[in-house]
mmCIF file of all heavy atoms, coordinates in Angstrom:
data_MODEL
# 
_entry.id   MODEL 
# 
loop_
_atom_site.group_PDB 
_atom_site.id 
_atom_site.type_symbol 
_atom_site.label_atom_id 
_atom_site.label_alt_id 
_atom_site.label_comp_id 
_atom_site.label_asym_id 
_atom_site.label_entity_id 
_atom_site.label_seq_id 
_atom_site.pdbx_PDB_ins_code 
_atom_site.Cartn_x 
_atom_site.Cartn_y 
_atom_site.Cartn_z 
_atom_site.occupancy 
_atom_site.B_iso_or_equiv 
_atom_site.pdbx_formal_charge 
_atom_site.auth_seq_id 
_atom_site.auth_comp_id 
_atom_site.auth_asym_id 
_atom_site.auth_atom_id 
_atom_site.pdbx_PDB_model_num 
ATOM 1   N N   . LEU A 1 1  ? 37.346 6.476  123.295 1.00 0.00 ? 1  LEU A N   1 
ATOM 2   C CA  . LEU A 1 1  ? 36.401 7.094  124.229 1.00 0.00 ? 1  LEU A CA  1 
ATOM 3   C C   . LEU A 1 1  ? 36.638 8.593  124.393 1.00 0.00 ? 1  LEU A C   1 
ATOM 4   O O   . LEU A 1 1  ? 35.706 9.332  124.722 1.00 0.00 ? 1  LEU A O   1 
ATOM 5   C CB  . LEU A 1 1  ? 36.508 6.419  125.601 1.00 0.00 ? 1  LEU A CB  1 
ATOM 6   C CG  . LEU A 1 1  ? 35.991 4.996  125.723 1.00 0.00 ? 1  LEU A CG  1 
ATOM 7   C CD1 . LEU A 1 1  ? 36.348 4.417  127.097 1.00 0.00 ? 1  LEU A CD1 1 
ATOM 8   C CD2 . LEU A 1 1  ? 34.483 4.931  125.503 1.00 0.00 ? 1  LEU A CD2 1 
ATOM 9   N N   . TYR A 1 2  ? 37.843 9.043  124.165 1.00 0.00 ? 2  TYR A N   1 
ATOM 10  C CA  . TYR A 1 2  ? 38.206 10.433 124.473 1.00 0.00 ? 2  TYR A CA  1 
ATOM 11  C C   . TYR A 1 2  ? 37.390 11.429 123.659 1.00 0.00 ? 2  TYR A C   1 
ATOM 12  O O   . TYR A 1 2  ? 37.343 11.385 122.440 1.00 0.00 ? 2  TYR A O   1 
ATOM 13  C CB  . TYR A 1 2  ? 39.690 10.649 124.213 1.00 0.00 ? 2  TYR A CB  1 
ATOM 14  C CG  . TYR A 1 2  ? 40.133 12.083 124.427 1.00 0.00 ? 2  TYR A CG  1 
ATOM 15  C CD1 . TYR A 1 2  ? 40.089 12.663 125.690 1.00 0.00 ? 2  TYR A CD1 1 
ATOM 16  C CD2 . TYR A 1 2  ? 40.586 12.854 123.357 1.00 0.00 ? 2  TYR A CD2 1 
ATOM 17  C CE1 . TYR A 1 2  ? 40.491 13.983 125.885 1.00 0.00 ? 2  TYR A CE1 1 
ATOM 18  C CE2 . TYR A 1 2  ? 40.989 14.166 123.543 1.00 0.00 ? 2  TYR A CE2 1 
ATOM 19  C CZ  . TYR A 1 2  ? 40.945 14.726 124.799 1.00 0.00 ? 2  TYR A CZ  1 
ATOM 20  O OH  . TYR A 1 2  ? 41.335 16.032 124.986 1.00 0.00 ? 2  TYR A OH  1 
ATOM 21  N N   . ASP A 1 3  ? 36.723 12.345 124.362 1.00 0.00 ? 3  ASP A N   1 
ATOM 22  C CA  . ASP A 1 3  ? 36.008 13.473 123.767 1.00 0.00 ? 3  ASP A CA  1 
ATOM 23  C C   . ASP A 1 3  ? 36.594 14.730 124.402 1.00 0.00 ? 3  ASP A C   1 
ATOM 24  O O   . ASP A 1 3  ? 36.503 14.904 125.621 1.00 0.00 ? 3  ASP A O   1 
ATOM 25  C CB  . ASP A 1 3  ? 34.508 13.363 124.065 1.00 0.00 ? 3  ASP A CB  1 
ATOM 26  C CG  . ASP A 1 3  ? 33.690 14.471 123.426 1.00 0.00 ? 3  ASP A CG  1 
ATOM 27  O OD1 . ASP A 1 3  ? 34.201 15.598 123.300 1.00 0.00 ? 3  ASP A OD1 1 
ATOM 28  O OD2 . ASP A 1 3  ? 32.530 14.218 123.053 1.00 0.00 ? 3  ASP A OD2 1 
ATOM 29  N N   . PRO A 1 4  ? 37.192 15.632 123.627 1.00 0.00 ? 4  PRO A N   1 
ATOM 30  C CA  . PRO A 1 4  ? 37.863 16.796 124.221 1.00 0.00 ? 4  PRO A CA  1 
ATOM 31  C C   . PRO A 1 4  ? 36.957 17.656 125.092 1.00 0.00 ? 4  PRO A C   1 
ATOM 32  O O   . PRO A 1 4  ? 37.422 18.251 126.069 1.00 0.00 ? 4  PRO A O   1 
ATOM 33  C CB  . PRO A 1 4  ? 38.352 17.585 122.998 1.00 0.00 ? 4  PRO A CB  1 
ATOM 34  C CG  . PRO A 1 4  ? 38.447 16.577 121.907 1.00 0.00 ? 4  PRO A CG  1 
ATOM 35  C CD  . PRO A 1 4  ? 37.348 15.588 122.165 1.00 0.00 ? 4  PRO A CD  1 
ATOM 36  N N   . ASP A 1 5  ? 35.660 17.748 124.750 1.00 0.00 ? 5  ASP A N   1 
ATOM 37  C CA  . ASP A 1 5  ? 34.741 18.620 125.481 1.00 0.00 ? 5  ASP A CA  1 
ATOM 38  C C   . ASP A 1 5  ? 34.062 17.954 126.663 1.00 0.00 ? 5  ASP A C   1 
ATOM 39  O O   . ASP A 1 5  ? 33.494 18.645 127.508 1.00 0.00 ? 5  ASP A O   1 
ATOM 40  C CB  . ASP A 1 5  ? 33.634 19.130 124.540 1.00 0.00 ? 5  ASP A CB  1 
ATOM 41  C CG  . ASP A 1 5  ? 34.135 20.209 123.608 1.00 0.00 ? 5  ASP A CG  1 
ATOM 42  O OD1 . ASP A 1 5  ? 34.737 21.181 124.093 1.00 0.00 ? 5  ASP A OD1 1 
ATOM 43  O OD2 . ASP A 1 5  ? 33.936 20.077 122.388 1.00 0.00 ? 5  ASP A OD2 1 
ATOM 44  N N   . LEU A 1 6  ? 34.093 16.640 126.725 1.00 0.00 ? 6  LEU A N   1 
ATOM 45  C CA  . LEU A 1 6  ? 33.278 15.922 127.708 1.00 0.00 ? 6  LEU A CA  1 
ATOM 46  C C   . LEU A 1 6  ? 34.044 14.734 128.257 1.00 0.00 ? 6  LEU A C   1 
ATOM 47  O O   . LEU A 1 6  ? 34.484 13.858 127.496 1.00 0.00 ? 6  LEU A O   1 
ATOM 48  C CB  . LEU A 1 6  ? 31.974 15.449 127.043 1.00 0.00 ? 6  LEU A CB  1 
ATOM 49  C CG  . LEU A 1 6  ? 30.978 14.703 127.916 1.00 0.00 ? 6  LEU A CG  1 
ATOM 50  C CD1 . LEU A 1 6  ? 30.384 15.626 128.976 1.00 0.00 ? 6  LEU A CD1 1 
ATOM 51  C CD2 . LEU A 1 6  ? 29.858 14.112 127.051 1.00 0.00 ? 6  LEU A CD2 1 
ATOM 52  N N   . SER A 1 7  ? 34.175 14.676 129.582 1.00 0.00 ? 7  SER A N   1 
ATOM 53  C CA  . SER A 1 7  ? 34.920 13.563 130.187 1.00 0.00 ? 7  SER A CA  1 
ATOM 54  C C   . SER A 1 7  ? 34.046 12.354 130.473 1.00 0.00 ? 7  SER A C   1 
ATOM 55  O O   . SER A 1 7  ? 34.563 11.301 130.853 1.00 0.00 ? 7  SER A O   1 
ATOM 56  C CB  . SER A 1 7  ? 35.582 14.029 131.492 1.00 0.00 ? 7  SER A CB  1 
ATOM 57  O OG  . SER A 1 7  ? 34.609 14.275 132.496 1.00 0.00 ? 7  SER A OG  1 
ATOM 58  N N   . ASP A 1 8  ? 32.728 12.462 130.306 1.00 0.00 ? 8  ASP A N   1 
ATOM 59  C CA  . ASP A 1 8  ? 31.833 11.364 130.675 1.00 0.00 ? 8  ASP A CA  1 
ATOM 60  C C   . ASP A 1 8  ? 32.176 10.037 130.005 1.00 0.00 ? 8  ASP A C   1 
ATOM 61  O O   . ASP A 1 8  ? 32.126 8.983  130.662 1.00 0.00 ? 8  ASP A O   1 
ATOM 62  C CB  . ASP A 1 8  ? 30.383 11.737 130.373 1.00 0.00 ? 8  ASP A CB  1 
ATOM 63  C CG  . ASP A 1 8  ? 29.798 12.679 131.415 1.00 0.00 ? 8  ASP A CG  1 
ATOM 64  O OD1 . ASP A 1 8  ? 30.514 13.017 132.388 1.00 0.00 ? 8  ASP A OD1 1 
ATOM 65  O OD2 . ASP A 1 8  ? 28.632 13.088 131.270 1.00 0.00 ? 8  ASP A OD2 1 
ATOM 66  N N   . PRO A 1 9  ? 32.483 9.998  128.688 1.00 0.00 ? 9  PRO A N   1 
ATOM 67  C CA  . PRO A 1 9  ? 32.783 8.687  128.089 1.00 0.00 ? 9  PRO A CA  1 
ATOM 68  C C   . PRO A 1 9  ? 33.939 7.967  128.778 1.00 0.00 ? 9  PRO A C   1 
ATOM 69  O O   . PRO A 1 9  ? 33.863 6.757  129.013 1.00 0.00 ? 9  PRO A O   1 
ATOM 70  C CB  . PRO A 1 9  ? 33.122 9.053  126.633 1.00 0.00 ? 9  PRO A CB  1 
ATOM 71  C CG  . PRO A 1 9  ? 32.366 10.311 126.377 1.00 0.00 ? 9  PRO A CG  1 
ATOM 72  C CD  . PRO A 1 9  ? 32.444 11.071 127.670 1.00 0.00 ? 9  PRO A CD  1 
ATOM 73  N N   . VAL A 1 10 ? 35.011 8.688  129.099 1.00 0.00 ? 10 VAL A N   1 
ATOM 74  C CA  . VAL A 1 10 ? 36.126 8.066  129.808 1.00 0.00 ? 10 VAL A CA  1 
ATOM 75  C C   . VAL A 1 10 ? 35.746 7.799  131.256 1.00 0.00 ? 10 VAL A C   1 
ATOM 76  O O   . VAL A 1 10 ? 35.995 6.713  131.799 1.00 0.00 ? 10 VAL A O   1 
ATOM 77  C CB  . VAL A 1 10 ? 37.379 8.964  129.734 1.00 0.00 ? 10 VAL A CB  1 
ATOM 78  C CG1 . VAL A 1 10 ? 38.511 8.375  130.595 1.00 0.00 ? 10 VAL A CG1 1 
ATOM 79  C CG2 . VAL A 1 10 ? 37.848 9.110  128.297 1.00 0.00 ? 10 VAL A CG2 1 
ATOM 80  N N   . LYS A 1 11 ? 35.122 8.778  131.875 1.00 0.00 ? 11 LYS A N   1 
ATOM 81  C CA  . LYS A 1 11 ? 34.777 8.667  133.298 1.00 0.00 ? 11 LYS A CA  1 
ATOM 82  C C   . LYS A 1 11 ? 33.842 7.493  133.575 1.00 0.00 ? 11 LYS A C   1 
ATOM 83  O O   . LYS A 1 11 ? 33.988 6.796  134.584 1.00 0.00 ? 11 LYS A O   1 
ATOM 84  C CB  . LYS A 1 11 ? 34.133 9.975  133.743 1.00 0.00 ? 11 LYS A CB  1 
ATOM 85  C CG  . LYS A 1 11 ? 33.875 10.090 135.216 1.00 0.00 ? 11 LYS A CG  1 
ATOM 86  C CD  . LYS A 1 11 ? 33.274 11.452 135.535 1.00 0.00 ? 11 LYS A CD  1 
ATOM 87  C CE  . LYS A 1 11 ? 31.893 11.588 134.885 1.00 0.00 ? 11 LYS A CE  1 
ATOM 88  N NZ  . LYS A 1 11 ? 31.247 12.883 135.199 1.00 0.00 ? 11 LYS A NZ  1 
ATOM 89  N N   . GLU A 1 12 ? 32.877 7.263  132.687 1.00 0.00 ? 12 GLU A N   1 
ATOM 90  C CA  . GLU A 1 12 ? 31.917 6.185  132.911 1.00 0.00 ? 12 GLU A CA  1 
ATOM 91  C C   . GLU A 1 12 ? 32.514 4.805  132.681 1.00 0.00 ? 12 GLU A C   1 
ATOM 92  O O   . GLU A 1 12 ? 31.874 3.795  132.982 1.00 0.00 ? 12 GLU A O   1 
ATOM 93  C CB  . GLU A 1 12 ? 30.689 6.384  132.016 1.00 0.00 ? 12 GLU A CB  1 
ATOM 94  C CG  . GLU A 1 12 ? 29.874 7.627  132.334 1.00 0.00 ? 12 GLU A CG  1 
ATOM 95  C CD  . GLU A 1 12 ? 29.432 7.692  133.787 1.00 0.00 ? 12 GLU A CD  1 
ATOM 96  O OE1 . GLU A 1 12 ? 29.147 6.637  134.375 1.00 0.00 ? 12 GLU A OE1 1 
ATOM 97  O OE2 . GLU A 1 12 ? 29.395 8.806  134.349 1.00 0.00 ? 12 GLU A OE2 1 
ATOM 98  N N   . SER A 1 13 ? 33.742 4.756  132.150 1.00 0.00 ? 13 SER A N   1 
ATOM 99  C CA  . SER A 1 13 ? 34.410 3.460  131.987 1.00 0.00 ? 13 SER A CA  1 
ATOM 100 C C   . SER A 1 13 ? 35.248 3.096  133.212 1.00 0.00 ? 13 SER A C   1 
ATOM 101 O O   . SER A 1 13 ? 35.929 2.064  133.216 1.00 0.00 ? 13 SER A O   1 
ATOM 102 C CB  . SER A 1 13 ? 35.308 3.491  130.742 1.00 0.00 ? 13 SER A CB  1 
ATOM 103 O OG  . SER A 1 13 ? 36.441 4.333  130.953 1.00 0.00 ? 13 SER A OG  1 
ATOM 104 N N   . TYR A 1 14 ? 35.186 3.924  134.252 1.00 0.00 ? 14 TYR A N   1 
ATOM 105 C CA  . TYR A 1 14 ? 35.947 3.720  135.478 1.00 0.00 ? 14 TYR A CA  1 
ATOM 106 C C   . TYR A 1 14 ? 35.618 2.357  136.083 1.00 0.00 ? 14 TYR A C   1 
ATOM 107 O O   . TYR A 1 14 ? 34.454 1.998  136.242 1.00 0.00 ? 14 TYR A O   1 
ATOM 108 C CB  . TYR A 1 14 ? 35.588 4.843  136.452 1.00 0.00 ? 14 TYR A CB  1 
ATOM 109 C CG  . TYR A 1 14 ? 36.376 4.892  137.734 1.00 0.00 ? 14 TYR A CG  1 
ATOM 110 C CD1 . TYR A 1 14 ? 37.758 4.847  137.743 1.00 0.00 ? 14 TYR A CD1 1 
ATOM 111 C CD2 . TYR A 1 14 ? 35.713 5.046  138.954 1.00 0.00 ? 14 TYR A CD2 1 
ATOM 112 C CE1 . TYR A 1 14 ? 38.468 4.943  138.932 1.00 0.00 ? 14 TYR A CE1 1 
ATOM 113 C CE2 . TYR A 1 14 ? 36.411 5.146  140.143 1.00 0.00 ? 14 TYR A CE2 1 
ATOM 114 C CZ  . TYR A 1 14 ? 37.786 5.087  140.133 1.00 0.00 ? 14 TYR A CZ  1 
ATOM 115 O OH  . TYR A 1 14 ? 38.489 5.188  141.312 1.00 0.00 ? 14 TYR A OH  1 
ATOM 116 N N   . LYS A 1 15 ? 36.634 1.609  136.443 1.00 0.00 ? 15 LYS A N   1 
ATOM 117 C CA  . LYS A 1 15 ? 36.442 0.240  136.911 1.00 0.00 ? 15 LYS A CA  1 
ATOM 118 C C   . LYS A 1 15 ? 36.267 0.115  138.424 1.00 0.00 ? 15 LYS A C   1 
ATOM 119 O O   . LYS A 1 15 ? 35.947 -0.966 138.917 1.00 0.00 ? 15 LYS A O   1 
ATOM 120 C CB  . LYS A 1 15 ? 37.632 -0.623 136.475 1.00 0.00 ? 15 LYS A CB  1 
ATOM 121 C CG  . LYS A 1 15 ? 37.778 -0.775 134.964 1.00 0.00 ? 15 LYS A CG  1 
ATOM 122 C CD  . LYS A 1 15 ? 38.971 -1.650 134.617 1.00 0.00 ? 15 LYS A CD  1 
ATOM 123 C CE  . LYS A 1 15 ? 39.120 -1.819 133.123 1.00 0.00 ? 15 LYS A CE  1 
ATOM 124 N NZ  . LYS A 1 15 ? 40.270 -2.698 132.773 1.00 0.00 ? 15 LYS A NZ  1 
ATOM 125 N N   . LEU A 1 16 ? 36.498 1.219  139.161 1.00 0.00 ? 16 LEU A N   1 
ATOM 126 C CA  . LEU A 1 16 ? 36.407 1.172  140.612 1.00 0.00 ? 16 LEU A CA  1 
ATOM 127 C C   . LEU A 1 16 ? 35.217 1.998  141.080 1.00 0.00 ? 16 LEU A C   1 
ATOM 128 O O   . LEU A 1 16 ? 35.016 3.114  140.620 1.00 0.00 ? 16 LEU A O   1 
ATOM 129 C CB  . LEU A 1 16 ? 37.682 1.741  141.249 1.00 0.00 ? 16 LEU A CB  1 
ATOM 130 C CG  . LEU A 1 16 ? 39.020 1.199  140.758 1.00 0.00 ? 16 LEU A CG  1 
ATOM 131 C CD1 . LEU A 1 16 ? 40.159 1.975  141.412 1.00 0.00 ? 16 LEU A CD1 1 
ATOM 132 C CD2 . LEU A 1 16 ? 39.152 -0.287 141.062 1.00 0.00 ? 16 LEU A CD2 1 
ATOM 133 N N   . HIS A 1 17 ? 34.435 1.472  141.994 1.00 0.00 ? 17 HIS A N   1 
ATOM 134 C CA  . HIS A 1 17 ? 33.341 2.235  142.618 1.00 0.00 ? 17 HIS A CA  1 
ATOM 135 C C   . HIS A 1 17 ? 32.465 2.943  141.586 1.00 0.00 ? 17 HIS A C   1 
ATOM 136 O O   . HIS A 1 17 ? 32.167 4.128  141.706 1.00 0.00 ? 17 HIS A O   1 
ATOM 137 C CB  . HIS A 1 17 ? 33.897 3.261  143.608 1.00 0.00 ? 17 HIS A CB  1 
ATOM 138 C CG  . HIS A 1 17 ? 34.733 2.658  144.689 1.00 0.00 ? 17 HIS A CG  1 
ATOM 139 N ND1 . HIS A 1 17 ? 36.010 3.082  144.963 1.00 0.00 ? 17 HIS A ND1 1 
ATOM 140 C CD2 . HIS A 1 17 ? 34.470 1.666  145.572 1.00 0.00 ? 17 HIS A CD2 1 
ATOM 141 C CE1 . HIS A 1 17 ? 36.508 2.376  145.963 1.00 0.00 ? 17 HIS A CE1 1 
ATOM 142 N NE2 . HIS A 1 17 ? 35.586 1.512  146.354 1.00 0.00 ? 17 HIS A NE2 1 
ATOM 143 N N   . ASN A 1 18 ? 32.083 2.206  140.559 1.00 0.00 ? 18 ASN A N   1 
ATOM 144 C CA  . ASN A 1 18 ? 31.226 2.763  139.514 1.00 0.00 ? 18 ASN A CA  1 
ATOM 145 C C   . ASN A 1 18 ? 29.805 2.278  139.750 1.00 0.00 ? 18 ASN A C   1 
ATOM 146 O O   . ASN A 1 18 ? 29.516 1.084  139.640 1.00 0.00 ? 18 ASN A O   1 
ATOM 147 C CB  . ASN A 1 18 ? 31.723 2.323  138.136 1.00 0.00 ? 18 ASN A CB  1 
ATOM 148 C CG  . ASN A 1 18 ? 31.033 3.055  137.009 1.00 0.00 ? 18 ASN A CG  1 
ATOM 149 O OD1 . ASN A 1 18 ? 29.908 3.527  137.143 1.00 0.00 ? 18 ASN A OD1 1 
ATOM 150 N ND2 . ASN A 1 18 ? 31.705 3.149  135.873 1.00 0.00 ? 18 ASN A ND2 1 
ATOM 151 N N   . SER A 1 19 ? 28.901 3.197  140.068 1.00 0.00 ? 19 SER A N   1 
ATOM 152 C CA  . SER A 1 19 ? 27.533 2.809  140.416 1.00 0.00 ? 19 SER A CA  1 
ATOM 153 C C   . SER A 1 19 ? 26.805 2.132  139.264 1.00 0.00 ? 19 SER A C   1 
ATOM 154 O O   . SER A 1 19 ? 25.800 1.450  139.475 1.00 0.00 ? 19 SER A O   1 
ATOM 155 C CB  . SER A 1 19 ? 26.740 4.043  140.881 1.00 0.00 ? 19 SER A CB  1 
ATOM 156 O OG  . SER A 1 19 ? 26.708 5.033  139.866 1.00 0.00 ? 19 SER A OG  1 
ATOM 157 N N   . LYS A 1 20 ? 27.303 2.314  138.036 1.00 0.00 ? 20 LYS A N   1 
ATOM 158 C CA  . LYS A 1 20 ? 26.665 1.695  136.870 1.00 0.00 ? 20 LYS A CA  1 
ATOM 159 C C   . LYS A 1 20 ? 27.186 0.283  136.607 1.00 0.00 ? 20 LYS A C   1 
ATOM 160 O O   . LYS A 1 20 ? 26.666 -0.412 135.731 1.00 0.00 ? 20 LYS A O   1 
ATOM 161 C CB  . LYS A 1 20 ? 26.880 2.567  135.629 1.00 0.00 ? 20 LYS A CB  1 
ATOM 162 C CG  . LYS A 1 20 ? 26.188 3.923  135.736 1.00 0.00 ? 20 LYS A CG  1 
ATOM 163 C CD  . LYS A 1 20 ? 26.309 4.703  134.453 1.00 0.00 ? 20 LYS A CD  1 
ATOM 164 C CE  . LYS A 1 20 ? 25.545 6.015  134.562 1.00 0.00 ? 20 LYS A CE  1 
ATOM 165 N NZ  . LYS A 1 20 ? 25.599 6.811  133.314 1.00 0.00 ? 20 LYS A NZ  1 
ATOM 166 N N   . VAL A 1 21 ? 28.228 -0.108 137.352 1.00 0.00 ? 21 VAL A N   1 
ATOM 167 C CA  . VAL A 1 21 ? 28.793 -1.460 137.212 1.00 0.00 ? 21 VAL A CA  1 
ATOM 168 C C   . VAL A 1 21 ? 28.847 -2.073 138.599 1.00 0.00 ? 21 VAL A C   1 
ATOM 169 O O   . VAL A 1 21 ? 29.735 -1.762 139.401 1.00 0.00 ? 21 VAL A O   1 
ATOM 170 C CB  . VAL A 1 21 ? 30.199 -1.423 136.572 1.00 0.00 ? 21 VAL A CB  1 
ATOM 171 C CG1 . VAL A 1 21 ? 30.732 -2.841 136.399 1.00 0.00 ? 21 VAL A CG1 1 
ATOM 172 C CG2 . VAL A 1 21 ? 30.167 -0.675 135.255 1.00 0.00 ? 21 VAL A CG2 1 
ATOM 173 N N   . GLU A 1 22 ? 27.896 -2.936 138.901 1.00 0.00 ? 22 GLU A N   1 
ATOM 174 C CA  . GLU A 1 22 ? 27.766 -3.464 140.263 1.00 0.00 ? 22 GLU A CA  1 
ATOM 175 C C   . GLU A 1 22 ? 29.017 -4.190 140.725 1.00 0.00 ? 22 GLU A C   1 
ATOM 176 O O   . GLU A 1 22 ? 29.431 -4.077 141.881 1.00 0.00 ? 22 GLU A O   1 
ATOM 177 C CB  . GLU A 1 22 ? 26.558 -4.400 140.329 1.00 0.00 ? 22 GLU A CB  1 
ATOM 178 C CG  . GLU A 1 22 ? 26.237 -4.872 141.732 1.00 0.00 ? 22 GLU A CG  1 
ATOM 179 C CD  . GLU A 1 22 ? 24.953 -5.696 141.788 1.00 0.00 ? 22 GLU A CD  1 
ATOM 180 O OE1 . GLU A 1 22 ? 24.202 -5.684 140.798 1.00 0.00 ? 22 GLU A OE1 1 
ATOM 181 O OE2 . GLU A 1 22 ? 24.716 -6.326 142.824 1.00 0.00 ? 22 GLU A OE2 1 
ATOM 182 N N   . SER A 1 23 ? 29.658 -4.921 139.836 1.00 0.00 ? 23 SER A N   1 
ATOM 183 C CA  . SER A 1 23 ? 30.840 -5.694 140.216 1.00 0.00 ? 23 SER A CA  1 
ATOM 184 C C   . SER A 1 23 ? 32.049 -4.810 140.503 1.00 0.00 ? 23 SER A C   1 
ATOM 185 O O   . SER A 1 23 ? 33.060 -5.291 141.022 1.00 0.00 ? 23 SER A O   1 
ATOM 186 C CB  . SER A 1 23 ? 31.193 -6.687 139.110 1.00 0.00 ? 23 SER A CB  1 
ATOM 187 O OG  . SER A 1 23 ? 31.484 -6.005 137.897 1.00 0.00 ? 23 SER A OG  1 
ATOM 188 N N   . SER A 1 24 ? 31.970 -3.511 140.158 1.00 0.00 ? 24 SER A N   1 
ATOM 189 C CA  . SER A 1 24 ? 33.127 -2.631 140.342 1.00 0.00 ? 24 SER A CA  1 
ATOM 190 C C   . SER A 1 24 ? 33.478 -2.448 141.814 1.00 0.00 ? 24 SER A C   1 
ATOM 191 O O   . SER A 1 24 ? 34.648 -2.222 142.148 1.00 0.00 ? 24 SER A O   1 
ATOM 192 C CB  . SER A 1 24 ? 32.864 -1.272 139.688 1.00 0.00 ? 24 SER A CB  1 
ATOM 193 O OG  . SER A 1 24 ? 31.838 -0.576 140.371 1.00 0.00 ? 24 SER A OG  1 
ATOM 194 N N   . PHE A 1 25 ? 32.501 -2.531 142.710 1.00 0.00 ? 25 PHE A N   1 
ATOM 195 C CA  . PHE A 1 25 ? 32.776 -2.338 144.129 1.00 0.00 ? 25 PHE A CA  1 
ATOM 196 C C   . PHE A 1 25 ? 33.558 -3.525 144.692 1.00 0.00 ? 25 PHE A C   1 
ATOM 197 O O   . PHE A 1 25 ? 34.484 -3.355 145.479 1.00 0.00 ? 25 PHE A O   1 
ATOM 198 C CB  . PHE A 1 25 ? 31.471 -2.123 144.888 1.00 0.00 ? 25 PHE A CB  1 
ATOM 199 C CG  . PHE A 1 25 ? 30.807 -0.814 144.548 1.00 0.00 ? 25 PHE A CG  1 
ATOM 200 C CD1 . PHE A 1 25 ? 29.916 -0.727 143.490 1.00 0.00 ? 25 PHE A CD1 1 
ATOM 201 C CD2 . PHE A 1 25 ? 31.097 0.328  145.270 1.00 0.00 ? 25 PHE A CD2 1 
ATOM 202 C CE1 . PHE A 1 25 ? 29.321 0.480  143.166 1.00 0.00 ? 25 PHE A CE1 1 
ATOM 203 C CE2 . PHE A 1 25 ? 30.503 1.539  144.962 1.00 0.00 ? 25 PHE A CE2 1 
ATOM 204 C CZ  . PHE A 1 25 ? 29.613 1.615  143.895 1.00 0.00 ? 25 PHE A CZ  1 
# 
């Protein structure tokens, strides 16, 4: 996932409080 210029790929895989993953809350 790591992209040196952009943190979005790693950031969007966040498992806590992720609005794109309903079960994360």
